Amino acid sequence: MNIYLKIMSIILILVSKSFAVESLDKTKNSINKVKKKSKNIFKTLTRKSLNKEETIQFISEYIITIDDQKGDGTVIYFFEDEIYKRYKNLKVLSEDFWELSKLGYLKIYYNDEKVTWKIQPSKDNTINIKKKTETVGKLFKFSYSDKTDYYLDLEEKKLREQSSN
């Protein structure tokens, strides 16, 4: 009977150790998942955005191609003096005002809604778009290309339309 108690004790000790190792592994996995999420949020919040001068230079030289989730799919933002135009297939979808904040972020007006754009060009070009009612913005991937080339495409389209009339 004594041998049975010793064997049972040894089995219980081994089983409890394996549960402890397993629960420790699960805890480590959970901690690693939390660390990854917090790193992603931290990267989102601390990613380098353009300053005021860089933003002005950027929007004066480039057009921005982005799916802004306004229901039109991928659109092009063409910034001019105090106004911007949203294009799709060389057609104007909308036009409204923009301004710069003191920190150099774009304040984009869309009807009655105002959003803040923090342009973050890098290996993965992103724009952090924050609505007035939100505390943290949402990252949108974008691409950019030469503004002059797009302007020439617009002018060619106008000439084609004039010659066909």
N, C-alpha and C. Protein backbone atom coordinates (compact mmCIF):
# COMPACT_ATOMS: atom_id res chain seq x y z
N MET A 1 0.82 -1.18 0.00
CA MET A 1 0.00 0.00 0.00
C MET A 1 0.87 1.25 0.00
N ASN A 2 1.96 1.21 0.69
CA ASN A 2 2.90 2.30 0.77
C ASN A 2 3.49 2.60 -0.62
N ILE A 3 3.74 1.59 -1.39
CA ILE A 3 4.30 1.74 -2.73
C ILE A 3 3.29 2.46 -3.63
N TYR A 4 2.01 2.11 -3.47
CA TYR A 4 0.96 2.77 -4.26
C TYR A 4 0.90 4.26 -3.95
N LEU A 5 1.04 4.63 -2.70
CA LEU A 5 1.03 6.05 -2.32
C LEU A 5 2.22 6.79 -2.91
N LYS A 6 3.38 6.15 -2.88
CA LYS A 6 4.57 6.77 -3.45
C LYS A 6 4.42 6.97 -4.96
N ILE A 7 3.90 5.94 -5.63
CA ILE A 7 3.72 6.03 -7.08
C ILE A 7 2.69 7.12 -7.42
N MET A 8 1.60 7.18 -6.67
CA MET A 8 0.57 8.19 -6.89
C MET A 8 1.13 9.59 -6.62
N SER A 9 1.93 9.72 -5.60
CA SER A 9 2.54 11.02 -5.29
C SER A 9 3.46 11.47 -6.42
N ILE A 10 4.25 10.54 -6.91
CA ILE A 10 5.17 10.87 -8.01
C ILE A 10 4.38 11.27 -9.26
N ILE A 11 3.32 10.54 -9.56
CA ILE A 11 2.49 10.85 -10.73
C ILE A 11 1.84 12.23 -10.56
N LEU A 12 1.32 12.51 -9.39
CA LEU A 12 0.71 13.81 -9.13
C LEU A 12 1.72 14.94 -9.28
N ILE A 13 2.90 14.73 -8.78
CA ILE A 13 3.94 15.76 -8.89
C ILE A 13 4.29 16.00 -10.36
N LEU A 14 4.46 14.93 -11.13
CA LEU A 14 4.79 15.07 -12.55
C LEU A 14 3.67 15.76 -13.33
N VAL A 15 2.44 15.37 -13.06
CA VAL A 15 1.29 15.96 -13.75
C VAL A 15 1.17 17.44 -13.40
N SER A 16 1.31 17.77 -12.13
CA SER A 16 1.18 19.17 -11.73
C SER A 16 2.30 20.03 -12.33
N LYS A 17 3.50 19.48 -12.45
CA LYS A 17 4.60 20.22 -13.08
C LYS A 17 4.31 20.46 -14.55
N SER A 18 3.76 19.47 -15.24
CA SER A 18 3.47 19.65 -16.66
C SER A 18 2.36 20.69 -16.84
N PHE A 19 1.36 20.73 -15.94
CA PHE A 19 0.32 21.76 -16.00
C PHE A 19 0.93 23.14 -15.75
N ALA A 20 1.87 23.19 -14.82
CA ALA A 20 2.50 24.46 -14.51
C ALA A 20 3.30 24.97 -15.71
N VAL A 21 4.04 24.08 -16.38
CA VAL A 21 4.81 24.47 -17.55
C VAL A 21 3.87 24.90 -18.67
N GLU A 22 2.79 24.16 -18.85
CA GLU A 22 1.82 24.50 -19.90
C GLU A 22 1.17 25.85 -19.64
N SER A 23 0.77 26.10 -18.40
CA SER A 23 0.14 27.38 -18.09
C SER A 23 1.15 28.52 -18.20
N LEU A 24 2.41 28.25 -17.86
CA LEU A 24 3.46 29.25 -18.01
C LEU A 24 3.65 29.60 -19.49
N ASP A 25 3.64 28.58 -20.36
CA ASP A 25 3.75 28.82 -21.80
C ASP A 25 2.58 29.66 -22.31
N LYS A 26 1.37 29.35 -21.85
CA LYS A 26 0.19 30.11 -22.28
C LYS A 26 0.31 31.56 -21.81
N THR A 27 0.80 31.76 -20.60
CA THR A 27 0.97 33.11 -20.08
C THR A 27 1.99 33.88 -20.91
N LYS A 28 3.10 33.23 -21.26
CA LYS A 28 4.12 33.88 -22.09
C LYS A 28 3.54 34.26 -23.45
N ASN A 29 2.75 33.35 -24.05
CA ASN A 29 2.13 33.65 -25.34
C ASN A 29 1.19 34.84 -25.23
N SER A 30 0.40 34.89 -24.16
CA SER A 30 -0.52 36.00 -23.97
C SER A 30 0.25 37.31 -23.79
N ILE A 31 1.31 37.26 -23.02
CA ILE A 31 2.13 38.47 -22.80
C ILE A 31 2.74 38.92 -24.12
N ASN A 32 3.24 37.98 -24.93
CA ASN A 32 3.82 38.34 -26.22
C ASN A 32 2.79 38.97 -27.15
N LYS A 33 1.56 38.46 -27.14
CA LYS A 33 0.49 39.04 -27.96
C LYS A 33 0.21 40.47 -27.51
N VAL A 34 0.14 40.70 -26.23
CA VAL A 34 -0.11 42.05 -25.71
C VAL A 34 1.04 42.97 -26.08
N LYS A 35 2.27 42.48 -25.98
CA LYS A 35 3.43 43.30 -26.35
C LYS A 35 3.38 43.69 -27.82
N LYS A 36 3.03 42.72 -28.69
CA LYS A 36 2.94 43.02 -30.12
C LYS A 36 1.88 44.07 -30.41
N LYS A 37 0.71 43.94 -29.77
CA LYS A 37 -0.36 44.91 -29.98
C LYS A 37 0.07 46.29 -29.50
N SER A 38 0.70 46.34 -28.33
CA SER A 38 1.11 47.64 -27.80
C SER A 38 2.21 48.25 -28.66
N LYS A 39 3.09 47.43 -29.25
CA LYS A 39 4.11 47.96 -30.15
C LYS A 39 3.47 48.55 -31.38
N ASN A 40 2.45 47.85 -31.93
CA ASN A 40 1.77 48.37 -33.12
C ASN A 40 1.08 49.69 -32.82
N ILE A 41 0.41 49.79 -31.69
CA ILE A 41 -0.25 51.03 -31.31
C ILE A 41 0.79 52.12 -31.09
N PHE A 42 1.89 51.75 -30.43
CA PHE A 42 2.96 52.72 -30.18
C PHE A 42 3.55 53.21 -31.50
N LYS A 43 3.77 52.30 -32.46
CA LYS A 43 4.29 52.71 -33.76
C LYS A 43 3.32 53.65 -34.46
N THR A 44 2.02 53.35 -34.36
CA THR A 44 1.01 54.20 -34.97
C THR A 44 1.06 55.60 -34.37
N LEU A 45 1.20 55.67 -33.07
CA LEU A 45 1.17 56.96 -32.40
C LEU A 45 2.46 57.75 -32.57
N THR A 46 3.59 57.06 -32.73
CA THR A 46 4.87 57.75 -32.75
C THR A 46 5.52 57.81 -34.12
N ARG A 47 4.87 57.31 -35.14
CA ARG A 47 5.44 57.34 -36.47
C ARG A 47 5.69 58.79 -36.89
N LYS A 48 6.79 59.04 -37.56
CA LYS A 48 7.21 60.39 -37.95
C LYS A 48 6.29 60.95 -39.02
N SER A 49 5.62 62.04 -38.71
CA SER A 49 4.78 62.75 -39.66
C SER A 49 5.53 63.95 -40.20
N LEU A 50 5.09 64.43 -41.34
CA LEU A 50 5.71 65.62 -41.92
C LEU A 50 5.41 66.85 -41.08
N ASN A 51 6.39 67.75 -41.00
CA ASN A 51 6.15 69.02 -40.31
C ASN A 51 5.49 70.00 -41.29
N LYS A 52 5.26 71.21 -40.86
CA LYS A 52 4.50 72.19 -41.65
C LYS A 52 5.14 72.45 -43.02
N GLU A 53 6.43 72.74 -43.04
CA GLU A 53 7.11 73.03 -44.30
C GLU A 53 7.13 71.81 -45.21
N GLU A 54 7.39 70.64 -44.63
CA GLU A 54 7.41 69.41 -45.42
C GLU A 54 6.03 69.09 -46.00
N THR A 55 4.98 69.34 -45.22
CA THR A 55 3.62 69.09 -45.70
C THR A 55 3.30 70.01 -46.87
N ILE A 56 3.63 71.28 -46.75
CA ILE A 56 3.38 72.24 -47.84
C ILE A 56 4.13 71.80 -49.10
N GLN A 57 5.38 71.44 -48.94
CA GLN A 57 6.17 71.01 -50.09
C GLN A 57 5.58 69.74 -50.70
N PHE A 58 5.18 68.80 -49.83
CA PHE A 58 4.65 67.51 -50.31
C PHE A 58 3.39 67.71 -51.13
N ILE A 59 2.43 68.46 -50.61
CA ILE A 59 1.15 68.60 -51.34
C ILE A 59 1.27 69.54 -52.54
N SER A 60 2.34 70.33 -52.59
CA SER A 60 2.53 71.17 -53.78
C SER A 60 3.21 70.39 -54.91
N GLU A 61 3.90 69.31 -54.58
CA GLU A 61 4.61 68.53 -55.59
C GLU A 61 3.90 67.24 -56.00
N TYR A 62 3.06 66.70 -55.12
CA TYR A 62 2.50 65.38 -55.37
C TYR A 62 0.97 65.36 -55.24
N ILE A 63 0.38 64.37 -55.92
CA ILE A 63 -1.02 64.03 -55.69
C ILE A 63 -1.02 62.79 -54.79
N ILE A 64 -2.09 62.60 -54.05
CA ILE A 64 -2.18 61.48 -53.13
C ILE A 64 -3.28 60.54 -53.61
N THR A 65 -2.93 59.28 -53.80
CA THR A 65 -3.89 58.26 -54.20
C THR A 65 -4.18 57.41 -52.98
N ILE A 66 -5.47 57.35 -52.60
CA ILE A 66 -5.85 56.69 -51.35
C ILE A 66 -7.29 56.20 -51.43
N ASP A 67 -7.59 55.12 -50.74
CA ASP A 67 -8.98 54.72 -50.53
C ASP A 67 -9.38 55.30 -49.19
N ASP A 68 -10.07 56.43 -49.22
CA ASP A 68 -10.42 57.16 -48.00
C ASP A 68 -11.69 56.64 -47.34
N GLN A 69 -12.22 55.54 -47.85
CA GLN A 69 -13.41 54.87 -47.31
C GLN A 69 -14.62 55.79 -47.25
N LYS A 70 -14.78 56.60 -48.29
CA LYS A 70 -15.96 57.44 -48.40
C LYS A 70 -16.94 56.85 -49.41
N GLY A 71 -16.67 55.63 -49.85
CA GLY A 71 -17.58 54.92 -50.74
C GLY A 71 -17.25 55.03 -52.22
N ASP A 72 -16.17 55.73 -52.57
CA ASP A 72 -15.82 55.90 -53.98
C ASP A 72 -14.65 55.03 -54.41
N GLY A 73 -14.13 54.21 -53.51
CA GLY A 73 -12.94 53.41 -53.82
C GLY A 73 -11.70 54.27 -53.77
N THR A 74 -10.72 53.89 -54.58
CA THR A 74 -9.46 54.62 -54.61
C THR A 74 -9.65 55.93 -55.37
N VAL A 75 -9.27 57.03 -54.72
CA VAL A 75 -9.42 58.36 -55.30
C VAL A 75 -8.10 59.11 -55.26
N ILE A 76 -8.06 60.21 -55.96
CA ILE A 76 -6.86 61.05 -55.99
C ILE A 76 -7.20 62.40 -55.37
N TYR A 77 -6.34 62.83 -54.44
CA TYR A 77 -6.46 64.16 -53.83
C TYR A 77 -5.47 65.08 -54.52
N PHE A 78 -5.98 66.16 -55.07
CA PHE A 78 -5.18 67.17 -55.76
C PHE A 78 -5.33 68.46 -54.97
N PHE A 79 -4.25 68.89 -54.32
CA PHE A 79 -4.29 70.08 -53.46
C PHE A 79 -3.87 71.31 -54.24
N GLU A 80 -4.67 72.36 -54.10
CA GLU A 80 -4.37 73.66 -54.67
C GLU A 80 -4.38 74.66 -53.52
N ASP A 81 -4.31 75.95 -53.84
CA ASP A 81 -4.35 76.98 -52.80
C ASP A 81 -5.68 76.92 -52.06
N GLU A 82 -5.66 76.48 -50.84
CA GLU A 82 -6.79 76.46 -49.92
C GLU A 82 -7.94 75.53 -50.30
N ILE A 83 -7.89 74.90 -51.46
CA ILE A 83 -8.92 73.91 -51.80
C ILE A 83 -8.25 72.62 -52.26
N TYR A 84 -8.98 71.55 -52.16
CA TYR A 84 -8.52 70.28 -52.72
C TYR A 84 -9.66 69.71 -53.55
N LYS A 85 -9.30 68.87 -54.49
CA LYS A 85 -10.29 68.18 -55.31
C LYS A 85 -10.03 66.69 -55.22
N ARG A 86 -11.12 65.94 -55.11
CA ARG A 86 -11.05 64.48 -55.12
C ARG A 86 -11.43 64.02 -56.52
N TYR A 87 -10.55 63.24 -57.14
CA TYR A 87 -10.78 62.77 -58.51
C TYR A 87 -10.89 61.25 -58.54
N LYS A 88 -11.68 60.80 -59.50
CA LYS A 88 -11.71 59.38 -59.85
C LYS A 88 -11.85 59.33 -61.37
N ASN A 89 -10.93 58.65 -62.01
CA ASN A 89 -10.93 58.56 -63.48
C ASN A 89 -10.96 59.95 -64.13
N LEU A 90 -10.17 60.86 -63.61
CA LEU A 90 -10.03 62.22 -64.11
C LEU A 90 -11.31 63.05 -64.00
N LYS A 91 -12.27 62.59 -63.21
CA LYS A 91 -13.50 63.35 -62.97
C LYS A 91 -13.52 63.83 -61.53
N VAL A 92 -13.94 65.07 -61.32
CA VAL A 92 -14.01 65.62 -59.97
C VAL A 92 -15.19 65.01 -59.23
N LEU A 93 -14.91 64.37 -58.10
CA LEU A 93 -15.98 63.81 -57.26
C LEU A 93 -16.45 64.84 -56.24
N SER A 94 -15.51 65.57 -55.67
CA SER A 94 -15.85 66.58 -54.67
C SER A 94 -14.71 67.57 -54.58
N GLU A 95 -15.02 68.67 -53.93
CA GLU A 95 -14.04 69.73 -53.74
C GLU A 95 -14.40 70.46 -52.46
N ASP A 96 -13.40 70.78 -51.67
CA ASP A 96 -13.66 71.47 -50.40
C ASP A 96 -12.38 72.17 -49.95
N PHE A 97 -12.40 72.69 -48.74
CA PHE A 97 -11.28 73.46 -48.21
C PHE A 97 -10.31 72.60 -47.42
N TRP A 98 -9.11 73.10 -47.29
CA TRP A 98 -8.10 72.50 -46.42
C TRP A 98 -7.30 73.64 -45.80
N GLU A 99 -6.67 73.34 -44.68
CA GLU A 99 -5.77 74.28 -44.02
C GLU A 99 -4.73 73.48 -43.26
N LEU A 100 -3.72 74.17 -42.78
CA LEU A 100 -2.68 73.52 -41.98
C LEU A 100 -2.84 73.88 -40.52
N SER A 101 -2.62 72.89 -39.65
CA SER A 101 -2.62 73.17 -38.22
C SER A 101 -1.27 73.80 -37.85
N LYS A 102 -1.14 74.22 -36.63
CA LYS A 102 0.12 74.82 -36.17
C LYS A 102 1.27 73.81 -36.24
N LEU A 103 0.93 72.53 -36.06
CA LEU A 103 1.96 71.48 -36.10
C LEU A 103 2.25 70.99 -37.52
N GLY A 104 1.49 71.48 -38.48
CA GLY A 104 1.74 71.11 -39.87
C GLY A 104 0.86 69.98 -40.38
N TYR A 105 -0.14 69.60 -39.63
CA TYR A 105 -1.05 68.56 -40.09
C TYR A 105 -2.12 69.19 -40.97
N LEU A 106 -2.57 68.42 -41.94
CA LEU A 106 -3.63 68.91 -42.83
C LEU A 106 -4.98 68.81 -42.15
N LYS A 107 -5.73 69.86 -42.19
CA LYS A 107 -7.12 69.85 -41.74
C LYS A 107 -7.96 69.84 -43.01
N ILE A 108 -8.61 68.71 -43.23
CA ILE A 108 -9.40 68.52 -44.45
C ILE A 108 -10.88 68.67 -44.11
N TYR A 109 -11.57 69.49 -44.86
CA TYR A 109 -13.01 69.65 -44.68
C TYR A 109 -13.72 68.86 -45.76
N TYR A 110 -14.72 68.11 -45.35
CA TYR A 110 -15.52 67.32 -46.28
C TYR A 110 -16.98 67.52 -45.88
N ASN A 111 -17.65 68.39 -46.62
CA ASN A 111 -18.99 68.84 -46.23
C ASN A 111 -18.90 69.47 -44.85
N ASP A 112 -19.61 68.95 -43.86
CA ASP A 112 -19.55 69.52 -42.51
C ASP A 112 -18.54 68.82 -41.62
N GLU A 113 -17.88 67.81 -42.14
CA GLU A 113 -16.94 67.02 -41.35
C GLU A 113 -15.52 67.56 -41.53
N LYS A 114 -14.76 67.59 -40.42
CA LYS A 114 -13.36 68.00 -40.48
C LYS A 114 -12.51 66.86 -39.95
N VAL A 115 -11.49 66.49 -40.72
CA VAL A 115 -10.57 65.44 -40.29
C VAL A 115 -9.14 65.97 -40.35
N THR A 116 -8.28 65.36 -39.56
CA THR A 116 -6.88 65.74 -39.53
C THR A 116 -6.05 64.64 -40.19
N TRP A 117 -5.22 65.03 -41.12
CA TRP A 117 -4.32 64.10 -41.80
C TRP A 117 -2.91 64.32 -41.30
N LYS A 118 -2.29 63.24 -40.88
CA LYS A 118 -0.86 63.25 -40.55
C LYS A 118 -0.18 62.39 -41.61
N ILE A 119 0.48 63.03 -42.55
CA ILE A 119 1.11 62.33 -43.66
C ILE A 119 2.43 61.75 -43.19
N GLN A 120 2.60 60.44 -43.44
CA GLN A 120 3.77 59.72 -42.96
C GLN A 120 4.40 58.92 -44.09
N PRO A 121 5.14 59.60 -44.98
CA PRO A 121 5.79 58.85 -46.07
C PRO A 121 6.98 58.08 -45.53
N SER A 122 7.08 56.84 -45.93
CA SER A 122 8.20 55.98 -45.54
C SER A 122 8.17 54.77 -46.44
N LYS A 123 8.74 53.68 -45.99
CA LYS A 123 8.69 52.44 -46.77
C LYS A 123 7.23 52.04 -47.00
N ASP A 124 6.41 52.13 -45.96
CA ASP A 124 4.97 51.93 -46.06
C ASP A 124 4.31 53.29 -45.88
N ASN A 125 3.95 53.93 -46.98
CA ASN A 125 3.33 55.26 -46.90
C ASN A 125 1.98 55.15 -46.21
N THR A 126 1.80 55.93 -45.16
CA THR A 126 0.51 55.93 -44.46
C THR A 126 0.11 57.36 -44.13
N ILE A 127 -1.20 57.51 -43.99
CA ILE A 127 -1.76 58.77 -43.51
C ILE A 127 -2.62 58.41 -42.32
N ASN A 128 -2.34 59.03 -41.20
CA ASN A 128 -3.16 58.84 -40.01
C ASN A 128 -4.31 59.84 -40.12
N ILE A 129 -5.52 59.32 -40.35
CA ILE A 129 -6.69 60.18 -40.50
C ILE A 129 -7.51 60.10 -39.23
N LYS A 130 -7.68 61.25 -38.59
CA LYS A 130 -8.39 61.33 -37.32
C LYS A 130 -9.58 62.25 -37.45
N LYS A 131 -10.73 61.70 -37.10
CA LYS A 131 -11.94 62.53 -37.06
C LYS A 131 -11.94 63.32 -35.76
N LYS A 132 -12.68 64.38 -35.75
CA LYS A 132 -12.71 65.27 -34.58
C LYS A 132 -13.19 64.53 -33.34
N THR A 133 -14.11 63.58 -33.51
CA THR A 133 -14.71 62.89 -32.37
C THR A 133 -13.87 61.72 -31.86
N GLU A 134 -12.82 61.35 -32.58
CA GLU A 134 -12.00 60.20 -32.18
C GLU A 134 -10.76 60.66 -31.43
N THR A 135 -10.26 59.79 -30.54
CA THR A 135 -9.04 60.13 -29.83
C THR A 135 -7.80 59.70 -30.60
N VAL A 136 -7.88 58.59 -31.33
CA VAL A 136 -6.76 58.08 -32.12
C VAL A 136 -7.25 57.89 -33.54
N GLY A 137 -6.43 58.29 -34.50
CA GLY A 137 -6.81 58.15 -35.90
C GLY A 137 -6.62 56.74 -36.42
N LYS A 138 -6.98 56.57 -37.68
CA LYS A 138 -6.86 55.29 -38.35
C LYS A 138 -5.84 55.43 -39.47
N LEU A 139 -4.98 54.42 -39.62
CA LEU A 139 -3.95 54.48 -40.65
C LEU A 139 -4.50 54.01 -41.99
N PHE A 140 -4.21 54.79 -43.03
CA PHE A 140 -4.58 54.47 -44.39
C PHE A 140 -3.31 54.43 -45.23
N LYS A 141 -3.15 53.38 -46.01
CA LYS A 141 -2.01 53.33 -46.93
C LYS A 141 -2.32 54.21 -48.13
N PHE A 142 -1.29 54.85 -48.67
CA PHE A 142 -1.47 55.70 -49.82
C PHE A 142 -0.25 55.61 -50.72
N SER A 143 -0.42 56.10 -51.92
CA SER A 143 0.71 56.26 -52.82
C SER A 143 0.67 57.70 -53.33
N TYR A 144 1.76 58.12 -53.89
CA TYR A 144 1.79 59.49 -54.41
C TYR A 144 2.57 59.49 -55.72
N SER A 145 2.23 60.47 -56.54
CA SER A 145 2.93 60.63 -57.81
C SER A 145 3.00 62.11 -58.15
N ASP A 146 3.72 62.39 -59.21
CA ASP A 146 4.00 63.76 -59.58
C ASP A 146 2.72 64.53 -59.94
N LYS A 147 2.56 65.67 -59.35
CA LYS A 147 1.38 66.50 -59.55
C LYS A 147 1.32 67.05 -60.98
N THR A 148 2.46 67.40 -61.54
CA THR A 148 2.51 67.97 -62.89
C THR A 148 2.00 66.97 -63.91
N ASP A 149 2.41 65.72 -63.78
CA ASP A 149 1.95 64.68 -64.71
C ASP A 149 0.43 64.55 -64.66
N TYR A 150 -0.14 64.55 -63.48
CA TYR A 150 -1.59 64.42 -63.35
C TYR A 150 -2.29 65.66 -63.92
N TYR A 151 -1.72 66.82 -63.67
CA TYR A 151 -2.28 68.06 -64.21
C TYR A 151 -2.30 68.00 -65.74
N LEU A 152 -1.24 67.49 -66.34
CA LEU A 152 -1.19 67.36 -67.80
C LEU A 152 -2.27 66.39 -68.30
N ASP A 153 -2.50 65.31 -67.56
CA ASP A 153 -3.58 64.37 -67.91
C ASP A 153 -4.93 65.07 -67.88
N LEU A 154 -5.15 65.90 -66.87
CA LEU A 154 -6.41 66.65 -66.77
C LEU A 154 -6.58 67.61 -67.95
N GLU A 155 -5.51 68.30 -68.31
CA GLU A 155 -5.56 69.25 -69.42
C GLU A 155 -5.80 68.52 -70.74
N GLU A 156 -5.17 67.36 -70.94
CA GLU A 156 -5.40 66.57 -72.15
C GLU A 156 -6.86 66.15 -72.24
N LYS A 157 -7.43 65.77 -71.13
CA LYS A 157 -8.84 65.37 -71.11
C LYS A 157 -9.72 66.55 -71.51
N LYS A 158 -9.43 67.73 -70.97
CA LYS A 158 -10.21 68.93 -71.34
C LYS A 158 -10.11 69.21 -72.84
N LEU A 159 -8.90 69.10 -73.38
CA LEU A 159 -8.71 69.34 -74.82
C LEU A 159 -9.47 68.33 -75.67
N ARG A 160 -9.45 67.07 -75.26
CA ARG A 160 -10.20 66.03 -75.98
C ARG A 160 -11.69 66.32 -75.96
N GLU A 161 -12.19 66.73 -74.79
CA GLU A 161 -13.62 67.05 -74.67
C GLU A 161 -13.99 68.26 -75.50
N GLN A 162 -13.12 69.27 -75.56
CA GLN A 162 -13.39 70.47 -76.36
C GLN A 162 -13.37 70.15 -77.85
N SER A 163 -12.44 69.31 -78.25
CA SER A 163 -12.33 69.00 -79.69
C SER A 163 -13.47 68.09 -80.14
N SER A 164 -14.05 67.32 -79.23
CA SER A 164 -15.15 66.45 -79.61
C SER A 164 -16.48 67.20 -79.65
N ASN A 165 -16.56 68.37 -79.05
CA ASN A 165 -17.79 69.19 -79.06
C ASN A 165 -17.89 70.06 -80.25
